PDB file of all heavy atoms in Angstrom:
ATOM      1  N   TYR A   1       0.848  -1.197   0.000  1.00  0.00           N
ATOM      2  CA  TYR A   1       0.000   0.000   0.000  1.00  0.00           C
ATOM      3  C   TYR A   1       0.882   1.245   0.000  1.00  0.00           C
ATOM      4  O   TYR A   1       1.844   1.343   0.767  1.00  0.00           O
ATOM      5  CB  TYR A   1      -0.921   0.011   1.222  1.00  0.00           C
ATOM      6  CG  TYR A   1      -2.118  -0.903   1.068  1.00  0.00           C
ATOM      7  CD1 TYR A   1      -2.005  -2.260   1.337  1.00  0.00           C
ATOM      8  CD2 TYR A   1      -3.341  -0.405   0.619  1.00  0.00           C
ATOM      9  CE1 TYR A   1      -3.087  -3.113   1.173  1.00  0.00           C
ATOM     10  CE2 TYR A   1      -4.430  -1.247   0.459  1.00  0.00           C
ATOM     11  CZ  TYR A   1      -4.304  -2.595   0.735  1.00  0.00           C
ATOM     12  OH  TYR A   1      -5.385  -3.434   0.562  1.00  0.00           O
ATOM     13  N   LEU A   2       0.553   2.185  -0.877  1.00  0.00           N
ATOM     14  CA  LEU A   2       1.332   3.409  -1.028  1.00  0.00           C
ATOM     15  C   LEU A   2       0.654   4.595  -0.352  1.00  0.00           C
ATOM     16  O   LEU A   2      -0.558   4.602  -0.155  1.00  0.00           O
ATOM     17  CB  LEU A   2       1.535   3.722  -2.515  1.00  0.00           C
ATOM     18  CG  LEU A   2       2.090   2.607  -3.400  1.00  0.00           C
ATOM     19  CD1 LEU A   2       2.312   3.139  -4.812  1.00  0.00           C
ATOM     20  CD2 LEU A   2       3.392   2.035  -2.830  1.00  0.00           C
ATOM     21  N   ASN A   3       1.453   5.600  -0.027  1.00  0.00           N
ATOM     22  CA  ASN A   3       0.912   6.870   0.467  1.00  0.00           C
ATOM     23  C   ASN A   3       0.290   7.690  -0.657  1.00  0.00           C
ATOM     24  O   ASN A   3      -0.430   8.663  -0.402  1.00  0.00           O
ATOM     25  CB  ASN A   3       2.035   7.694   1.114  1.00  0.00           C
ATOM     26  CG  ASN A   3       2.413   7.177   2.486  1.00  0.00           C
ATOM     27  OD1 ASN A   3       1.549   6.961   3.330  1.00  0.00           O
ATOM     28  ND2 ASN A   3       3.704   6.968   2.714  1.00  0.00           N
ATOM     29  N   ILE A   4       0.585   7.318  -1.879  1.00  0.00           N
ATOM     30  CA  ILE A   4       0.118   8.067  -3.045  1.00  0.00           C
ATOM     31  C   ILE A   4      -1.412   8.100  -3.102  1.00  0.00           C
ATOM     32  O   ILE A   4      -2.072   7.084  -2.903  1.00  0.00           O
ATOM     33  CB  ILE A   4       0.660   7.442  -4.345  1.00  0.00           C
ATOM     34  CG1 ILE A   4       2.200   7.457  -4.346  1.00  0.00           C
ATOM     35  CG2 ILE A   4       0.107   8.154  -5.573  1.00  0.00           C
ATOM     36  CD1 ILE A   4       2.808   8.836  -4.364  1.00  0.00           C
ATOM     37  N   ASP A   5      -1.943   9.276  -3.367  1.00  0.00           N
ATOM     38  CA  ASP A   5      -3.378   9.451  -3.623  1.00  0.00           C
ATOM     39  C   ASP A   5      -3.538   9.497  -5.146  1.00  0.00           C
ATOM     40  O   ASP A   5      -3.221  10.501  -5.782  1.00  0.00           O
ATOM     41  CB  ASP A   5      -3.870  10.749  -2.983  1.00  0.00           C
ATOM     42  CG  ASP A   5      -5.362  10.962  -3.128  1.00  0.00           C
ATOM     43  OD1 ASP A   5      -5.934  10.514  -4.138  1.00  0.00           O
ATOM     44  OD2 ASP A   5      -5.969  11.591  -2.238  1.00  0.00           O
ATOM     45  N   MET A   6      -4.005   8.392  -5.740  1.00  0.00           N
ATOM     46  CA  MET A   6      -4.038   8.319  -7.199  1.00  0.00           C
ATOM     47  C   MET A   6      -5.014   9.303  -7.821  1.00  0.00           C
ATOM     48  O   MET A   6      -4.827   9.726  -8.970  1.00  0.00           O
ATOM     49  CB  MET A   6      -4.364   6.899  -7.654  1.00  0.00           C
ATOM     50  CG  MET A   6      -3.171   5.955  -7.639  1.00  0.00           C
ATOM     51  SD  MET A   6      -1.667   6.596  -8.439  1.00  0.00           S
ATOM     52  CE  MET A   6      -2.238   6.802 -10.121  1.00  0.00           C
ATOM     53  N   ALA A   7      -6.042   9.690  -7.094  1.00  0.00           N
ATOM     54  CA  ALA A   7      -6.941  10.719  -7.626  1.00  0.00           C
ATOM     55  C   ALA A   7      -6.172  12.030  -7.781  1.00  0.00           C
ATOM     56  O   ALA A   7      -6.266  12.716  -8.810  1.00  0.00           O
ATOM     57  CB  ALA A   7      -8.146  10.901  -6.704  1.00  0.00           C
ATOM     58  N   LEU A   8      -5.375  12.377  -6.761  1.00  0.00           N
ATOM     59  CA  LEU A   8      -4.545  13.577  -6.826  1.00  0.00           C
ATOM     60  C   LEU A   8      -3.463  13.417  -7.877  1.00  0.00           C
ATOM     61  O   LEU A   8      -3.187  14.351  -8.652  1.00  0.00           O
ATOM     62  CB  LEU A   8      -3.924  13.838  -5.453  1.00  0.00           C
ATOM     63  CG  LEU A   8      -2.983  15.028  -5.345  1.00  0.00           C
ATOM     64  CD1 LEU A   8      -3.750  16.329  -5.511  1.00  0.00           C
ATOM     65  CD2 LEU A   8      -2.240  15.023  -4.006  1.00  0.00           C
ATOM     66  N   GLN A   9      -2.832  12.252  -7.917  1.00  0.00           N
ATOM     67  CA  GLN A   9      -1.779  11.975  -8.894  1.00  0.00           C
ATOM     68  C   GLN A   9      -2.296  12.148 -10.318  1.00  0.00           C
ATOM     69  O   GLN A   9      -1.682  12.841 -11.139  1.00  0.00           O
ATOM     70  CB  GLN A   9      -1.262  10.546  -8.697  1.00  0.00           C
ATOM     71  CG  GLN A   9      -0.250  10.075  -9.715  1.00  0.00           C
ATOM     72  CD  GLN A   9       1.160  10.527  -9.437  1.00  0.00           C
ATOM     73  OE1 GLN A   9       1.473  10.934  -8.324  1.00  0.00           O
ATOM     74  NE2 GLN A   9       2.017  10.451 -10.434  1.00  0.00           N
ATOM     75  N   SER A  10      -3.434  11.545 -10.616  1.00  0.00           N
ATOM     76  CA  SER A  10      -3.996  11.619 -11.973  1.00  0.00           C
ATOM     77  C   SER A  10      -4.401  13.046 -12.321  1.00  0.00           C
ATOM     78  O   SER A  10      -4.216  13.497 -13.462  1.00  0.00           O
ATOM     79  CB  SER A  10      -5.201  10.683 -12.079  1.00  0.00           C
ATOM     80  OG  SER A  10      -4.821   9.351 -11.847  1.00  0.00           O
ATOM     81  N   PHE A  11      -4.946  13.762 -11.342  1.00  0.00           N
ATOM     82  CA  PHE A  11      -5.333  15.157 -11.577  1.00  0.00           C
ATOM     83  C   PHE A  11      -4.109  16.003 -11.899  1.00  0.00           C
ATOM     84  O   PHE A  11      -4.117  16.805 -12.846  1.00  0.00           O
ATOM     85  CB  PHE A  11      -6.050  15.698 -10.339  1.00  0.00           C
ATOM     86  CG  PHE A  11      -6.448  17.145 -10.447  1.00  0.00           C
ATOM     87  CD1 PHE A  11      -7.566  17.519 -11.182  1.00  0.00           C
ATOM     88  CD2 PHE A  11      -5.700  18.140  -9.818  1.00  0.00           C
ATOM     89  CE1 PHE A  11      -7.929  18.859 -11.291  1.00  0.00           C
ATOM     90  CE2 PHE A  11      -6.054  19.469  -9.922  1.00  0.00           C
ATOM     91  CZ  PHE A  11      -7.176  19.830 -10.657  1.00  0.00           C
ATOM     92  N   ALA A  12      -3.037  15.816 -11.125  1.00  0.00           N
ATOM     93  CA  ALA A  12      -1.817  16.577 -11.361  1.00  0.00           C
ATOM     94  C   ALA A  12      -1.201  16.232 -12.719  1.00  0.00           C
ATOM     95  O   ALA A  12      -0.691  17.104 -13.424  1.00  0.00           O
ATOM     96  CB  ALA A  12      -0.817  16.309 -10.231  1.00  0.00           C
ATOM     97  N   GLU A  13      -1.257  14.960 -13.081  1.00  0.00           N
ATOM     98  CA  GLU A  13      -0.720  14.545 -14.379  1.00  0.00           C
ATOM     99  C   GLU A  13      -1.475  15.228 -15.518  1.00  0.00           C
ATOM    100  O   GLU A  13      -0.872  15.644 -16.516  1.00  0.00           O
ATOM    101  CB  GLU A  13      -0.809  13.028 -14.519  1.00  0.00           C
ATOM    102  CG  GLU A  13       0.172  12.270 -13.644  1.00  0.00           C
ATOM    103  CD  GLU A  13      -0.049  10.771 -13.646  1.00  0.00           C
ATOM    104  OE1 GLU A  13      -1.126  10.327 -14.096  1.00  0.00           O
ATOM    105  OE2 GLU A  13       0.849  10.046 -13.203  1.00  0.00           O
ATOM    106  N   GLU A  14      -2.760  15.331 -15.369  1.00  0.00           N
ATOM    107  CA  GLU A  14      -3.572  15.951 -16.413  1.00  0.00           C
ATOM    108  C   GLU A  14      -3.235  17.431 -16.567  1.00  0.00           C
ATOM    109  O   GLU A  14      -3.265  17.975 -17.678  1.00  0.00           O
ATOM    110  CB  GLU A  14      -5.058  15.772 -16.092  1.00  0.00           C
ATOM    111  CG  GLU A  14      -5.998  16.099 -17.234  1.00  0.00           C
ATOM    112  CD  GLU A  14      -5.772  15.233 -18.462  1.00  0.00           C
ATOM    113  OE1 GLU A  14      -5.434  14.035 -18.304  1.00  0.00           O
ATOM    114  OE2 GLU A  14      -5.915  15.758 -19.594  1.00  0.00           O
ATOM    115  N   LEU A  15      -2.919  18.093 -15.455  1.00  0.00           N
ATOM    116  CA  LEU A  15      -2.595  19.524 -15.504  1.00  0.00           C
ATOM    117  C   LEU A  15      -1.351  19.806 -16.340  1.00  0.00           C
ATOM    118  O   LEU A  15      -1.249  20.869 -16.965  1.00  0.00           O
ATOM    119  CB  LEU A  15      -2.374  20.059 -14.086  1.00  0.00           C
ATOM    120  CG  LEU A  15      -3.600  20.195 -13.181  1.00  0.00           C
ATOM    121  CD1 LEU A  15      -3.165  20.623 -11.781  1.00  0.00           C
ATOM    122  CD2 LEU A  15      -4.595  21.203 -13.753  1.00  0.00           C
ATOM    123  N   ILE A  16      -0.388  18.878 -16.346  1.00  0.00           N
ATOM    124  CA  ILE A  16       0.876  19.121 -17.056  1.00  0.00           C
ATOM    125  C   ILE A  16       1.090  18.106 -18.176  1.00  0.00           C
ATOM    126  O   ILE A  16       2.226  17.841 -18.575  1.00  0.00           O
ATOM    127  CB  ILE A  16       2.070  19.094 -16.076  1.00  0.00           C
ATOM    128  CG1 ILE A  16       2.127  17.768 -15.313  1.00  0.00           C
ATOM    129  CG2 ILE A  16       1.999  20.263 -15.107  1.00  0.00           C
ATOM    130  CD1 ILE A  16       3.375  17.619 -14.448  1.00  0.00           C
ATOM    131  N   ARG A  17      -0.007  17.555 -18.679  1.00  0.00           N
ATOM    132  CA  ARG A  17       0.089  16.497 -19.683  1.00  0.00           C
ATOM    133  C   ARG A  17       0.882  16.918 -20.918  1.00  0.00           C
ATOM    134  O   ARG A  17       1.586  16.108 -21.521  1.00  0.00           O
ATOM    135  CB  ARG A  17      -1.315  16.045 -20.093  1.00  0.00           C
ATOM    136  CG  ARG A  17      -1.315  14.919 -21.126  1.00  0.00           C
ATOM    137  CD  ARG A  17      -2.612  14.175 -21.146  1.00  0.00           C
ATOM    138  NE  ARG A  17      -2.911  13.577 -19.868  1.00  0.00           N
ATOM    139  CZ  ARG A  17      -2.372  12.434 -19.444  1.00  0.00           C
ATOM    140  NH1 ARG A  17      -1.497  11.787 -20.200  1.00  0.00           N
ATOM    141  NH2 ARG A  17      -2.697  11.942 -18.273  1.00  0.00           N
ATOM    142  N   ASP A  18       0.783  18.165 -21.316  1.00  0.00           N
ATOM    143  CA  ASP A  18       1.445  18.625 -22.537  1.00  0.00           C
ATOM    144  C   ASP A  18       2.793  19.291 -22.267  1.00  0.00           C
ATOM    145  O   ASP A  18       3.353  19.939 -23.154  1.00  0.00           O
ATOM    146  CB  ASP A  18       0.529  19.601 -23.273  1.00  0.00           C
ATOM    147  CG  ASP A  18      -0.774  18.964 -23.710  1.00  0.00           C
ATOM    148  OD1 ASP A  18      -0.752  17.766 -24.057  1.00  0.00           O
ATOM    149  OD2 ASP A  18      -1.821  19.650 -23.689  1.00  0.00           O
ATOM    150  N   GLU A  19       3.301  19.150 -21.051  1.00  0.00           N
ATOM    151  CA  GLU A  19       4.550  19.800 -20.678  1.00  0.00           C
ATOM    152  C   GLU A  19       5.628  18.776 -20.346  1.00  0.00           C
ATOM    153  O   GLU A  19       5.355  17.593 -20.148  1.00  0.00           O
ATOM    154  CB  GLU A  19       4.334  20.698 -19.444  1.00  0.00           C
ATOM    155  CG  GLU A  19       3.252  21.750 -19.603  1.00  0.00           C
ATOM    156  CD  GLU A  19       3.673  22.911 -20.483  1.00  0.00           C
ATOM    157  OE1 GLU A  19       4.869  22.977 -20.871  1.00  0.00           O
ATOM    158  OE2 GLU A  19       2.823  23.768 -20.778  1.00  0.00           O
ATOM    159  N   ARG A  20       6.842  19.263 -20.290  1.00  0.00           N
ATOM    160  CA  ARG A  20       7.933  18.525 -19.656  1.00  0.00           C
ATOM    161  C   ARG A  20       8.031  19.109 -18.255  1.00  0.00           C
ATOM    162  O   ARG A  20       8.551  20.218 -18.066  1.00  0.00           O
ATOM    163  CB  ARG A  20       9.242  18.694 -20.424  1.00  0.00           C
ATOM    164  CG  ARG A  20       9.184  18.152 -21.843  1.00  0.00           C
ATOM    165  CD  ARG A  20      10.502  18.354 -22.579  1.00  0.00           C
ATOM    166  NE  ARG A  20      10.894  19.766 -22.608  1.00  0.00           N
ATOM    167  CZ  ARG A  20      10.401  20.655 -23.446  1.00  0.00           C
ATOM    168  NH1 ARG A  20       9.489  20.302 -24.336  1.00  0.00           N
ATOM    169  NH2 ARG A  20      10.800  21.909 -23.388  1.00  0.00           N
ATOM    170  N   ALA A  21       7.534  18.380 -17.285  1.00  0.00           N
ATOM    171  CA  ALA A  21       7.358  18.984 -15.966  1.00  0.00           C
ATOM    172  C   ALA A  21       7.339  17.924 -14.878  1.00  0.00           C
ATOM    173  O   ALA A  21       7.289  16.718 -15.153  1.00  0.00           O
ATOM    174  CB  ALA A  21       6.052  19.786 -15.947  1.00  0.00           C
ATOM    175  N   ALA A  22       7.370  18.396 -13.635  1.00  0.00           N
ATOM    176  CA  ALA A  22       7.308  17.498 -12.481  1.00  0.00           C
ATOM    177  C   ALA A  22       6.577  18.191 -11.341  1.00  0.00           C
ATOM    178  O   ALA A  22       6.658  19.418 -11.188  1.00  0.00           O
ATOM    179  CB  ALA A  22       8.700  17.082 -12.033  1.00  0.00           C
ATOM    180  N   ILE A  23       5.861  17.401 -10.558  1.00  0.00           N
ATOM    181  CA  ILE A  23       5.158  17.881  -9.372  1.00  0.00           C
ATOM    182  C   ILE A  23       5.401  16.883  -8.250  1.00  0.00           C
ATOM    183  O   ILE A  23       5.241  15.677  -8.437  1.00  0.00           O
ATOM    184  CB  ILE A  23       3.635  18.006  -9.610  1.00  0.00           C
ATOM    185  CG1 ILE A  23       3.340  18.989 -10.756  1.00  0.00           C
ATOM    186  CG2 ILE A  23       2.915  18.434  -8.337  1.00  0.00           C
ATOM    187  CD1 ILE A  23       1.866  19.028 -11.151  1.00  0.00           C
ATOM    188  N   VAL A  24       5.791  17.392  -7.092  1.00  0.00           N
ATOM    189  CA  VAL A  24       5.941  16.550  -5.900  1.00  0.00           C
ATOM    190  C   VAL A  24       5.123  17.169  -4.783  1.00  0.00           C
ATOM    191  O   VAL A  24       5.285  18.354  -4.477  1.00  0.00           O
ATOM    192  CB  VAL A  24       7.413  16.421  -5.464  1.00  0.00           C
ATOM    193  CG1 VAL A  24       7.508  15.553  -4.210  1.00  0.00           C
ATOM    194  CG2 VAL A  24       8.259  15.828  -6.579  1.00  0.00           C
ATOM    195  N   ALA A  25       4.233  16.375  -4.180  1.00  0.00           N
ATOM    196  CA  ALA A  25       3.405  16.837  -3.065  1.00  0.00           C
ATOM    197  C   ALA A  25       3.628  15.916  -1.876  1.00  0.00           C
ATOM    198  O   ALA A  25       3.569  14.692  -2.013  1.00  0.00           O
ATOM    199  CB  ALA A  25       1.935  16.856  -3.452  1.00  0.00           C
ATOM    200  N   ILE A  26       3.881  16.500  -0.704  1.00  0.00           N
ATOM    201  CA  ILE A  26       4.203  15.759   0.508  1.00  0.00           C
ATOM    202  C   ILE A  26       3.322  16.246   1.657  1.00  0.00           C
ATOM    203  O   ILE A  26       2.995  17.437   1.741  1.00  0.00           O
ATOM    204  CB  ILE A  26       5.691  15.955   0.880  1.00  0.00           C
ATOM    205  CG1 ILE A  26       6.602  15.379  -0.212  1.00  0.00           C
ATOM    206  CG2 ILE A  26       6.030  15.320   2.221  1.00  0.00           C
ATOM    207  CD1 ILE A  26       8.065  15.658   0.022  1.00  0.00           C
ATOM    208  N   ASP A  27       2.954  15.332   2.549  1.00  0.00           N
ATOM    209  CA  ASP A  27       2.284  15.714   3.785  1.00  0.00           C
ATOM    210  C   ASP A  27       3.368  16.048   4.805  1.00  0.00           C
ATOM    211  O   ASP A  27       4.093  15.154   5.256  1.00  0.00           O
ATOM    212  CB  ASP A  27       1.414  14.560   4.293  1.00  0.00           C
ATOM    213  CG  ASP A  27       0.576  14.952   5.506  1.00  0.00           C
ATOM    214  OD1 ASP A  27       0.930  15.940   6.190  1.00  0.00           O
ATOM    215  OD2 ASP A  27      -0.423  14.266   5.785  1.00  0.00           O
ATOM    216  N   PRO A  28       3.508  17.328   5.197  1.00  0.00           N
ATOM    217  CA  PRO A  28       4.585  17.709   6.128  1.00  0.00           C
ATOM    218  C   PRO A  28       4.453  17.070   7.510  1.00  0.00           C
ATOM    219  O   PRO A  28       5.432  16.989   8.247  1.00  0.00           O
ATOM    220  CB  PRO A  28       4.439  19.239   6.236  1.00  0.00           C
ATOM    221  CG  PRO A  28       3.666  19.640   5.018  1.00  0.00           C
ATOM    222  CD  PRO A  28       2.737  18.500   4.747  1.00  0.00           C
ATOM    223  N   GLN A  29       3.237  16.609   7.855  1.00  0.00           N
ATOM    224  CA  GLN A  29       3.033  16.045   9.187  1.00  0.00           C
ATOM    225  C   GLN A  29       3.693  14.676   9.362  1.00  0.00           C
ATOM    226  O   GLN A  29       4.052  14.301  10.467  1.00  0.00           O
ATOM    227  CB  GLN A  29       1.522  15.914   9.462  1.00  0.00           C
ATOM    228  CG  GLN A  29       0.752  17.226   9.378  1.00  0.00           C
ATOM    229  CD  GLN A  29       1.090  18.181  10.501  1.00  0.00           C
ATOM    230  OE1 GLN A  29       1.441  17.745  11.596  1.00  0.00           O
ATOM    231  NE2 GLN A  29       1.006  19.475  10.234  1.00  0.00           N
ATOM    232  N   ASN A  30       3.837  13.933   8.261  1.00  0.00           N
ATOM    233  CA  ASN A  30       4.387  12.572   8.391  1.00  0.00           C
ATOM    234  C   ASN A  30       5.343  12.163   7.267  1.00  0.00           C
ATOM    235  O   ASN A  30       5.842  11.030   7.265  1.00  0.00           O
ATOM    236  CB  ASN A  30       3.243  11.555   8.475  1.00  0.00           C
ATOM    237  CG  ASN A  30       2.264  11.686   7.320  1.00  0.00           C
ATOM    238  OD1 ASN A  30       2.623  12.139   6.228  1.00  0.00           O
ATOM    239  ND2 ASN A  30       1.019  11.295   7.548  1.00  0.00           N
ATOM    240  N   GLY A  31       5.603  13.034   6.316  1.00  0.00           N
ATOM    241  CA  GLY A  31       6.528  12.716   5.224  1.00  0.00           C
ATOM    242  C   GLY A  31       5.929  11.873   4.118  1.00  0.00           C
ATOM    243  O   GLY A  31       6.637  11.468   3.186  1.00  0.00           O
ATOM    244  N   ALA A  32       4.620  11.604   4.177  1.00  0.00           N
ATOM    245  CA  ALA A  32       3.977  10.785   3.149  1.00  0.00           C
ATOM    246  C   ALA A  32       3.980  11.512   1.808  1.00  0.00           C
ATOM    247  O   ALA A  32       3.585  12.673   1.715  1.00  0.00           O
ATOM    248  CB  ALA A  32       2.539  10.469   3.557  1.00  0.00           C
TER     249      ALA A  32
END
């Protein structure tokens, strides 16, 4: 089981689908 939220992951991917880009999102409370 991953900490990844695939709904958030897929949404973020769609935002930059036509770019060369990267997004990293972390929960500061636990490092997830």
